Amino acid sequence: MLLLCMALGSLQASAADDQLGTVVDGSLLTEETEVESVVYPLARYSYLATGTGTLTLTGTRTVRMTGSTTATSSVDRIKVQMYLQRLKNGTWVNYQTGTLGIKYNTYYVSTTDTITVEGGYYYRACGAHAATEGSTTDSTSSYTDGMWIN
């Protein structure tokens, strides 16, 4: 029985190894327990300063997804929308949509969601970040690396 458990355990652990270290659509596949993305689009935009996304393993098959958007100064509207994506058949697909964060007449907004996931997949957090001042909207996306959930 012990050998059977050890054999099954090694099969599950190696499931991440066959793709571990490869890059799929810009995301490195890892066994990290926290992955983060920070985008600094200052050169392209007048109002959008940073967009961040973080995915953290908080328990067995439970992750915390956080996202934030920062403007260069107070803007009319600032938004962040996070999406949890799962790697399935070599393609990142949306698994769950996070809470929309939107604020007015400020420079910062953030969201946090705790999500239960299925084991045996890589997951990443994708963020949509936007800052609007008058008729100008600056927007960008952030993508974390992939995190293996056993």
N, C-alpha and C. Protein backbone atom coordinates (compact mmCIF):
# COMPACT_ATOMS: atom_id res chain seq x y z
N MET A 1 0.83 -1.19 0.00
CA MET A 1 0.00 0.00 0.00
C MET A 1 0.87 1.26 0.00
N LEU A 2 1.93 1.23 0.79
CA LEU A 2 2.84 2.38 0.84
C LEU A 2 3.46 2.62 -0.53
N LEU A 3 3.86 1.55 -1.22
CA LEU A 3 4.44 1.72 -2.56
C LEU A 3 3.43 2.30 -3.54
N LEU A 4 2.18 1.89 -3.42
CA LEU A 4 1.14 2.42 -4.29
C LEU A 4 0.96 3.91 -4.06
N CYS A 5 0.90 4.32 -2.79
CA CYS A 5 0.76 5.76 -2.48
C CYS A 5 1.96 6.54 -2.99
N MET A 6 3.15 5.99 -2.83
CA MET A 6 4.35 6.68 -3.30
C MET A 6 4.33 6.80 -4.83
N ALA A 7 3.89 5.74 -5.49
CA ALA A 7 3.85 5.75 -6.95
C ALA A 7 2.83 6.77 -7.45
N LEU A 8 1.63 6.80 -6.85
CA LEU A 8 0.62 7.76 -7.25
C LEU A 8 1.06 9.18 -6.95
N GLY A 9 1.71 9.38 -5.83
CA GLY A 9 2.23 10.70 -5.48
C GLY A 9 3.25 11.18 -6.47
N SER A 10 4.13 10.30 -6.92
CA SER A 10 5.15 10.72 -7.88
C SER A 10 4.53 10.99 -9.25
N LEU A 11 3.44 10.30 -9.59
CA LEU A 11 2.76 10.57 -10.85
C LEU A 11 2.15 11.97 -10.85
N GLN A 12 1.52 12.33 -9.72
CA GLN A 12 0.92 13.66 -9.65
C GLN A 12 1.99 14.73 -9.65
N ALA A 13 3.08 14.52 -8.93
CA ALA A 13 4.14 15.53 -8.87
C ALA A 13 4.76 15.72 -10.25
N SER A 14 4.90 14.62 -11.00
CA SER A 14 5.52 14.74 -12.31
C SER A 14 4.59 15.32 -13.36
N ALA A 15 3.30 15.42 -13.06
CA ALA A 15 2.37 16.00 -14.02
C ALA A 15 2.75 17.43 -14.34
N ALA A 16 3.27 18.15 -13.35
CA ALA A 16 3.73 19.51 -13.61
C ALA A 16 5.05 19.51 -14.33
N ASP A 17 5.87 18.49 -14.13
CA ASP A 17 7.23 18.46 -14.66
C ASP A 17 7.30 18.39 -16.18
N ASP A 18 6.32 17.79 -16.84
CA ASP A 18 6.42 17.66 -18.29
C ASP A 18 6.30 19.02 -19.00
N GLN A 19 5.67 20.00 -18.37
CA GLN A 19 5.57 21.34 -18.94
C GLN A 19 6.33 22.38 -18.11
N LEU A 20 6.74 21.99 -16.92
CA LEU A 20 7.41 22.90 -15.99
C LEU A 20 8.58 23.60 -16.68
N GLY A 21 8.62 24.93 -16.55
CA GLY A 21 9.71 25.70 -17.13
C GLY A 21 9.46 26.17 -18.55
N THR A 22 8.37 25.73 -19.17
CA THR A 22 8.05 26.21 -20.51
C THR A 22 7.23 27.50 -20.41
N VAL A 23 7.16 28.23 -21.50
CA VAL A 23 6.41 29.47 -21.55
C VAL A 23 5.21 29.28 -22.48
N VAL A 24 4.02 29.59 -21.96
CA VAL A 24 2.80 29.48 -22.75
C VAL A 24 2.14 30.87 -22.77
N ASP A 25 2.05 31.44 -23.94
CA ASP A 25 1.44 32.75 -24.13
C ASP A 25 2.00 33.78 -23.15
N GLY A 26 3.31 33.79 -23.02
CA GLY A 26 3.99 34.78 -22.19
C GLY A 26 4.12 34.44 -20.72
N SER A 27 3.56 33.34 -20.26
CA SER A 27 3.62 32.97 -18.85
C SER A 27 4.50 31.74 -18.65
N LEU A 28 5.52 31.88 -17.81
CA LEU A 28 6.39 30.77 -17.44
C LEU A 28 5.63 29.83 -16.52
N LEU A 29 5.66 28.54 -16.78
CA LEU A 29 4.97 27.56 -15.95
C LEU A 29 5.88 27.18 -14.79
N THR A 30 5.39 27.39 -13.56
CA THR A 30 6.21 27.22 -12.36
C THR A 30 5.50 26.34 -11.33
N GLU A 31 6.24 26.02 -10.28
CA GLU A 31 5.68 25.38 -9.10
C GLU A 31 5.72 26.34 -7.91
N GLU A 32 5.85 27.63 -8.20
CA GLU A 32 5.88 28.65 -7.14
C GLU A 32 4.52 28.71 -6.44
N THR A 33 4.53 29.16 -5.19
CA THR A 33 3.27 29.32 -4.45
C THR A 33 2.74 30.75 -4.54
N GLU A 34 3.51 31.63 -5.19
CA GLU A 34 3.05 32.99 -5.46
C GLU A 34 3.68 33.47 -6.76
N VAL A 35 2.85 34.02 -7.63
CA VAL A 35 3.33 34.59 -8.89
C VAL A 35 2.74 35.99 -9.02
N GLU A 36 3.53 36.89 -9.60
CA GLU A 36 3.11 38.29 -9.68
C GLU A 36 3.50 38.88 -11.03
N SER A 37 2.71 39.86 -11.44
CA SER A 37 3.01 40.62 -12.65
C SER A 37 2.84 42.10 -12.32
N VAL A 38 3.79 42.90 -12.76
CA VAL A 38 3.70 44.35 -12.61
C VAL A 38 3.99 44.97 -13.97
N VAL A 39 3.09 45.81 -14.45
CA VAL A 39 3.24 46.47 -15.73
C VAL A 39 3.40 47.97 -15.48
N TYR A 40 4.44 48.55 -16.06
CA TYR A 40 4.72 49.99 -15.95
C TYR A 40 4.60 50.63 -17.33
N PRO A 41 3.42 51.02 -17.75
CA PRO A 41 3.26 51.56 -19.11
C PRO A 41 3.47 53.07 -19.21
N LEU A 42 4.30 53.66 -18.36
CA LEU A 42 4.48 55.11 -18.32
C LEU A 42 4.85 55.73 -19.67
N ALA A 43 5.69 55.09 -20.41
CA ALA A 43 6.15 55.67 -21.68
C ALA A 43 5.02 55.85 -22.69
N ARG A 44 4.01 55.01 -22.60
CA ARG A 44 2.93 55.05 -23.58
C ARG A 44 1.75 55.91 -23.16
N TYR A 45 1.55 56.10 -21.86
CA TYR A 45 0.31 56.69 -21.39
C TYR A 45 0.52 57.94 -20.55
N SER A 46 -0.51 58.76 -20.49
CA SER A 46 -0.49 59.98 -19.69
C SER A 46 -0.96 59.74 -18.26
N TYR A 47 -1.90 58.80 -18.07
CA TYR A 47 -2.55 58.66 -16.77
C TYR A 47 -2.29 57.34 -16.06
N LEU A 48 -2.05 56.28 -16.78
CA LEU A 48 -1.88 54.96 -16.18
C LEU A 48 -0.43 54.76 -15.75
N ALA A 49 -0.20 54.52 -14.45
CA ALA A 49 1.16 54.35 -13.93
C ALA A 49 1.55 52.88 -13.81
N THR A 50 0.73 52.06 -13.15
CA THR A 50 1.05 50.64 -13.00
C THR A 50 -0.22 49.80 -12.95
N GLY A 51 -0.06 48.56 -13.36
CA GLY A 51 -1.09 47.54 -13.19
C GLY A 51 -0.42 46.32 -12.61
N THR A 52 -0.98 45.77 -11.54
CA THR A 52 -0.38 44.60 -10.91
C THR A 52 -1.41 43.49 -10.74
N GLY A 53 -0.92 42.28 -10.75
CA GLY A 53 -1.74 41.11 -10.47
C GLY A 53 -0.90 40.10 -9.71
N THR A 54 -1.51 39.46 -8.73
CA THR A 54 -0.82 38.45 -7.92
C THR A 54 -1.74 37.27 -7.71
N LEU A 55 -1.16 36.08 -7.78
CA LEU A 55 -1.87 34.85 -7.48
C LEU A 55 -1.08 34.11 -6.41
N THR A 56 -1.74 33.81 -5.29
CA THR A 56 -1.07 33.19 -4.15
C THR A 56 -1.82 31.94 -3.73
N LEU A 57 -1.09 30.84 -3.56
CA LEU A 57 -1.68 29.62 -3.03
C LEU A 57 -1.84 29.81 -1.53
N THR A 58 -3.08 29.75 -1.02
CA THR A 58 -3.33 30.00 0.39
C THR A 58 -3.72 28.76 1.17
N GLY A 59 -4.00 27.68 0.49
CA GLY A 59 -4.39 26.43 1.12
C GLY A 59 -4.51 25.37 0.06
N THR A 60 -4.94 24.20 0.45
CA THR A 60 -5.11 23.12 -0.51
C THR A 60 -6.17 23.53 -1.53
N ARG A 61 -5.72 23.74 -2.76
CA ARG A 61 -6.61 24.10 -3.87
C ARG A 61 -7.42 25.38 -3.62
N THR A 62 -6.81 26.30 -2.90
CA THR A 62 -7.41 27.62 -2.67
C THR A 62 -6.37 28.67 -3.02
N VAL A 63 -6.77 29.64 -3.84
CA VAL A 63 -5.85 30.71 -4.23
C VAL A 63 -6.47 32.07 -3.89
N ARG A 64 -5.59 33.03 -3.67
CA ARG A 64 -6.02 34.43 -3.51
C ARG A 64 -5.51 35.19 -4.73
N MET A 65 -6.44 35.85 -5.41
CA MET A 65 -6.10 36.63 -6.60
C MET A 65 -6.30 38.10 -6.25
N THR A 66 -5.24 38.89 -6.40
CA THR A 66 -5.34 40.31 -6.13
C THR A 66 -4.91 41.08 -7.37
N GLY A 67 -5.46 42.27 -7.51
CA GLY A 67 -5.09 43.13 -8.62
C GLY A 67 -5.20 44.57 -8.20
N SER A 68 -4.41 45.42 -8.83
CA SER A 68 -4.51 46.85 -8.54
C SER A 68 -4.12 47.66 -9.77
N THR A 69 -4.63 48.87 -9.80
CA THR A 69 -4.29 49.84 -10.84
C THR A 69 -3.95 51.14 -10.14
N THR A 70 -2.85 51.76 -10.57
CA THR A 70 -2.42 53.04 -10.03
C THR A 70 -2.28 54.04 -11.17
N ALA A 71 -2.81 55.24 -10.96
CA ALA A 71 -2.70 56.32 -11.94
C ALA A 71 -1.57 57.26 -11.53
N THR A 72 -1.15 58.09 -12.46
CA THR A 72 -0.09 59.05 -12.17
C THR A 72 -0.56 60.16 -11.26
N SER A 73 -1.87 60.40 -11.22
CA SER A 73 -2.49 61.39 -10.34
C SER A 73 -3.97 61.03 -10.24
N SER A 74 -4.72 61.77 -9.50
CA SER A 74 -6.16 61.51 -9.38
C SER A 74 -6.81 61.64 -10.77
N VAL A 75 -7.64 60.64 -11.10
CA VAL A 75 -8.32 60.62 -12.40
C VAL A 75 -9.83 60.49 -12.19
N ASP A 76 -10.57 60.74 -13.26
CA ASP A 76 -12.03 60.65 -13.17
C ASP A 76 -12.49 59.25 -12.78
N ARG A 77 -11.87 58.23 -13.39
CA ARG A 77 -12.27 56.84 -13.11
C ARG A 77 -11.05 55.94 -13.24
N ILE A 78 -10.94 54.99 -12.31
CA ILE A 78 -9.85 54.01 -12.36
C ILE A 78 -10.44 52.63 -12.11
N LYS A 79 -9.97 51.63 -12.90
CA LYS A 79 -10.57 50.30 -12.84
C LYS A 79 -9.52 49.20 -12.82
N VAL A 80 -9.91 48.08 -12.22
CA VAL A 80 -9.15 46.84 -12.34
C VAL A 80 -10.16 45.69 -12.40
N GLN A 81 -9.92 44.78 -13.32
CA GLN A 81 -10.74 43.56 -13.44
C GLN A 81 -9.78 42.39 -13.58
N MET A 82 -9.86 41.45 -12.65
CA MET A 82 -8.97 40.29 -12.67
C MET A 82 -9.73 39.06 -13.16
N TYR A 83 -8.98 38.21 -13.86
CA TYR A 83 -9.53 36.95 -14.35
C TYR A 83 -8.58 35.83 -13.96
N LEU A 84 -9.10 34.77 -13.38
CA LEU A 84 -8.31 33.58 -13.11
C LEU A 84 -8.40 32.71 -14.35
N GLN A 85 -7.24 32.36 -14.91
CA GLN A 85 -7.21 31.53 -16.11
C GLN A 85 -6.54 30.20 -15.80
N ARG A 86 -6.99 29.17 -16.49
CA ARG A 86 -6.45 27.82 -16.32
C ARG A 86 -5.90 27.35 -17.66
N LEU A 87 -4.76 26.67 -17.61
CA LEU A 87 -4.16 26.12 -18.82
C LEU A 87 -4.83 24.78 -19.13
N LYS A 88 -5.49 24.73 -20.28
CA LYS A 88 -6.19 23.51 -20.68
C LYS A 88 -5.89 23.24 -22.14
N ASN A 89 -5.31 22.08 -22.41
CA ASN A 89 -4.95 21.69 -23.77
C ASN A 89 -4.05 22.72 -24.45
N GLY A 90 -3.12 23.29 -23.66
CA GLY A 90 -2.15 24.22 -24.20
C GLY A 90 -2.63 25.65 -24.40
N THR A 91 -3.85 25.94 -23.92
CA THR A 91 -4.43 27.27 -24.08
C THR A 91 -4.93 27.80 -22.74
N TRP A 92 -4.66 29.07 -22.46
CA TRP A 92 -5.20 29.70 -21.25
C TRP A 92 -6.67 30.04 -21.49
N VAL A 93 -7.55 29.53 -20.62
CA VAL A 93 -8.98 29.81 -20.72
C VAL A 93 -9.46 30.40 -19.40
N ASN A 94 -10.44 31.30 -19.49
CA ASN A 94 -10.97 31.91 -18.28
C ASN A 94 -11.63 30.84 -17.41
N TYR A 95 -11.27 30.84 -16.14
CA TYR A 95 -11.82 29.89 -15.17
C TYR A 95 -12.81 30.60 -14.25
N GLN A 96 -12.45 31.80 -13.80
CA GLN A 96 -13.37 32.58 -12.97
C GLN A 96 -13.03 34.07 -13.09
N THR A 97 -14.07 34.89 -13.10
CA THR A 97 -13.90 36.34 -13.16
C THR A 97 -13.91 36.89 -11.74
N GLY A 98 -12.94 37.73 -11.43
CA GLY A 98 -12.86 38.33 -10.11
C GLY A 98 -13.80 39.52 -9.98
N THR A 99 -13.80 40.09 -8.79
CA THR A 99 -14.62 41.26 -8.49
C THR A 99 -14.10 42.48 -9.26
N LEU A 100 -15.01 43.23 -9.86
CA LEU A 100 -14.63 44.46 -10.55
C LEU A 100 -14.31 45.52 -9.52
N GLY A 101 -13.14 46.15 -9.66
CA GLY A 101 -12.78 47.28 -8.82
C GLY A 101 -12.87 48.55 -9.64
N ILE A 102 -13.66 49.50 -9.18
CA ILE A 102 -13.80 50.77 -9.89
C ILE A 102 -13.98 51.88 -8.85
N LYS A 103 -13.23 52.95 -9.03
CA LYS A 103 -13.33 54.11 -8.13
C LYS A 103 -13.28 55.38 -8.97
N TYR A 104 -13.77 56.45 -8.36
CA TYR A 104 -13.85 57.72 -9.05
C TYR A 104 -13.08 58.80 -8.29
N ASN A 105 -12.45 59.69 -9.05
CA ASN A 105 -11.73 60.83 -8.49
C ASN A 105 -10.66 60.41 -7.47
N THR A 106 -9.88 59.44 -7.86
CA THR A 106 -8.78 58.96 -7.04
C THR A 106 -7.71 58.39 -7.95
N TYR A 107 -6.62 57.92 -7.38
CA TYR A 107 -5.50 57.43 -8.19
C TYR A 107 -5.23 55.93 -8.02
N TYR A 108 -6.02 55.22 -7.17
CA TYR A 108 -5.70 53.82 -6.88
C TYR A 108 -6.98 53.02 -6.65
N VAL A 109 -6.96 51.76 -7.14
CA VAL A 109 -8.04 50.82 -6.86
C VAL A 109 -7.43 49.42 -6.78
N SER A 110 -8.03 48.57 -5.93
CA SER A 110 -7.54 47.18 -5.82
C SER A 110 -8.72 46.25 -5.53
N THR A 111 -8.50 44.97 -5.82
CA THR A 111 -9.49 43.93 -5.53
C THR A 111 -8.78 42.70 -5.02
N THR A 112 -9.52 41.89 -4.27
CA THR A 112 -9.01 40.61 -3.78
C THR A 112 -10.14 39.59 -3.83
N ASP A 113 -9.84 38.41 -4.35
CA ASP A 113 -10.81 37.32 -4.39
C ASP A 113 -10.13 36.04 -3.93
N THR A 114 -10.84 35.23 -3.15
CA THR A 114 -10.37 33.91 -2.76
C THR A 114 -11.19 32.88 -3.54
N ILE A 115 -10.49 31.97 -4.22
CA ILE A 115 -11.15 31.08 -5.17
C ILE A 115 -10.69 29.64 -4.92
N THR A 116 -11.62 28.71 -4.91
CA THR A 116 -11.30 27.29 -4.84
C THR A 116 -11.14 26.78 -6.27
N VAL A 117 -10.06 26.03 -6.51
CA VAL A 117 -9.75 25.56 -7.86
C VAL A 117 -9.65 24.04 -7.89
N GLU A 118 -9.64 23.49 -9.08
CA GLU A 118 -9.43 22.06 -9.28
C GLU A 118 -7.94 21.79 -9.37
N GLY A 119 -7.49 20.68 -8.81
CA GLY A 119 -6.08 20.32 -8.89
C GLY A 119 -5.72 19.72 -10.24
N GLY A 120 -4.42 19.69 -10.51
CA GLY A 120 -3.94 19.08 -11.74
C GLY A 120 -3.82 20.04 -12.91
N TYR A 121 -3.81 21.34 -12.63
CA TYR A 121 -3.72 22.34 -13.68
C TYR A 121 -2.77 23.47 -13.29
N TYR A 122 -2.32 24.20 -14.30
CA TYR A 122 -1.64 25.47 -14.09
C TYR A 122 -2.69 26.57 -14.12
N TYR A 123 -2.50 27.58 -13.26
CA TYR A 123 -3.38 28.74 -13.21
C TYR A 123 -2.54 30.01 -13.30
N ARG A 124 -3.14 31.06 -13.83
CA ARG A 124 -2.50 32.38 -13.82
C ARG A 124 -3.58 33.44 -13.61
N ALA A 125 -3.15 34.63 -13.19
CA ALA A 125 -4.06 35.76 -13.04
C ALA A 125 -3.81 36.73 -14.18
N CYS A 126 -4.88 37.16 -14.80
CA CYS A 126 -4.84 38.12 -15.90
C CYS A 126 -5.59 39.36 -15.43
N GLY A 127 -4.99 40.52 -15.59
CA GLY A 127 -5.63 41.75 -15.15
C GLY A 127 -5.88 42.72 -16.29
N ALA A 128 -7.01 43.40 -16.23
CA ALA A 128 -7.33 44.48 -17.16
C ALA A 128 -7.34 45.76 -16.33
N HIS A 129 -6.47 46.70 -16.69
CA HIS A 129 -6.25 47.92 -15.91
C HIS A 129 -6.57 49.14 -16.78
N ALA A 130 -7.27 50.13 -16.20
CA ALA A 130 -7.62 51.33 -16.97
C ALA A 130 -7.72 52.55 -16.07
N ALA A 131 -7.31 53.67 -16.63
CA ALA A 131 -7.45 54.97 -15.98
C ALA A 131 -8.05 55.93 -17.00
N THR A 132 -9.12 56.62 -16.61
CA THR A 132 -9.82 57.54 -17.50
C THR A 132 -9.82 58.95 -16.93
N GLU A 133 -9.40 59.89 -17.73
CA GLU A 133 -9.45 61.31 -17.39
C GLU A 133 -10.05 62.02 -18.58
N GLY A 134 -11.21 62.64 -18.36
CA GLY A 134 -11.92 63.28 -19.47
C GLY A 134 -12.28 62.26 -20.53
N SER A 135 -11.90 62.51 -21.76
CA SER A 135 -12.22 61.58 -22.85
C SER A 135 -11.05 60.63 -23.17
N THR A 136 -9.99 60.69 -22.36
CA THR A 136 -8.82 59.82 -22.59
C THR A 136 -8.83 58.64 -21.63
N THR A 137 -8.74 57.43 -22.18
CA THR A 137 -8.63 56.22 -21.37
C THR A 137 -7.34 55.52 -21.72
N ASP A 138 -6.50 55.30 -20.72
CA ASP A 138 -5.29 54.50 -20.85
C ASP A 138 -5.60 53.12 -20.31
N SER A 139 -5.22 52.07 -21.02
CA SER A 139 -5.49 50.71 -20.54
C SER A 139 -4.35 49.78 -20.89
N THR A 140 -4.19 48.75 -20.07
CA THR A 140 -3.17 47.74 -20.31
C THR A 140 -3.61 46.44 -19.64
N SER A 141 -2.89 45.37 -19.93
CA SER A 141 -3.17 44.07 -19.33
C SER A 141 -1.93 43.56 -18.60
N SER A 142 -2.16 42.75 -17.57
CA SER A 142 -1.06 42.09 -16.86
C SER A 142 -1.34 40.59 -16.82
N TYR A 143 -0.26 39.81 -16.86
CA TYR A 143 -0.36 38.36 -16.83
C TYR A 143 0.71 37.81 -15.89
N THR A 144 0.30 37.06 -14.89
CA THR A 144 1.30 36.43 -14.02
C THR A 144 1.85 35.20 -14.71
N ASP A 145 2.91 34.64 -14.14
CA ASP A 145 3.37 33.33 -14.59
C ASP A 145 2.33 32.29 -14.17
N GLY A 146 2.47 31.08 -14.67
CA GLY A 146 1.57 30.01 -14.33
C GLY A 146 1.98 29.31 -13.04
N MET A 147 1.00 28.96 -12.22
CA MET A 147 1.23 28.29 -10.94
C MET A 147 0.58 26.91 -10.99
N TRP A 148 1.36 25.87 -10.71
CA TRP A 148 0.83 24.51 -10.69
C TRP A 148 0.07 24.27 -9.40
N ILE A 149 -1.17 23.79 -9.52
CA ILE A 149 -1.98 23.40 -8.37
C ILE A 149 -2.16 21.89 -8.44
N ASN A 150 -1.64 21.21 -7.44
CA ASN A 150 -1.68 19.75 -7.39
C ASN A 150 -3.05 19.24 -7.02
